[in-house]
């Protein structure tokens, strides 16, 4: 097996990036709940961030292919934005009071707050 030494730095970057993100992403929900953010809001934020990743990766790849002389700058700017956004979580203060969730999330929250329906009563000997 021959190793392509030209691609070795980018492979090392993705290996280190995925290795460093794997303990961070699952703990973000725990940190958010400790700060008072509802789980429904964290689910929405997580879904929005994944959709943003799906949209922005092809856009940034297209920019890097269109402007090959700026590839390194685009790569470093992407890393800088990631570092700043994840580092800013250290400065988030806890929320005061319970936030009101409006829009479509209110319907989901209302469904979660209602008690489950009673089990059906079967005639005869069988009871659940």
Foldseek 3Di string as FASTA:
>chain_A
DDDDPVCVVVVVVVVVVCVVVVVVVVCVLVLLVVLQHDSLVVVVVVVVVVVVCVVVVVVLVVVCVVPVVCVVVSVVVVVVVVVVVVVCVVVDHRDDDHDDDDDPVVVVVVVVPDDDDDDDQDPDDDDD
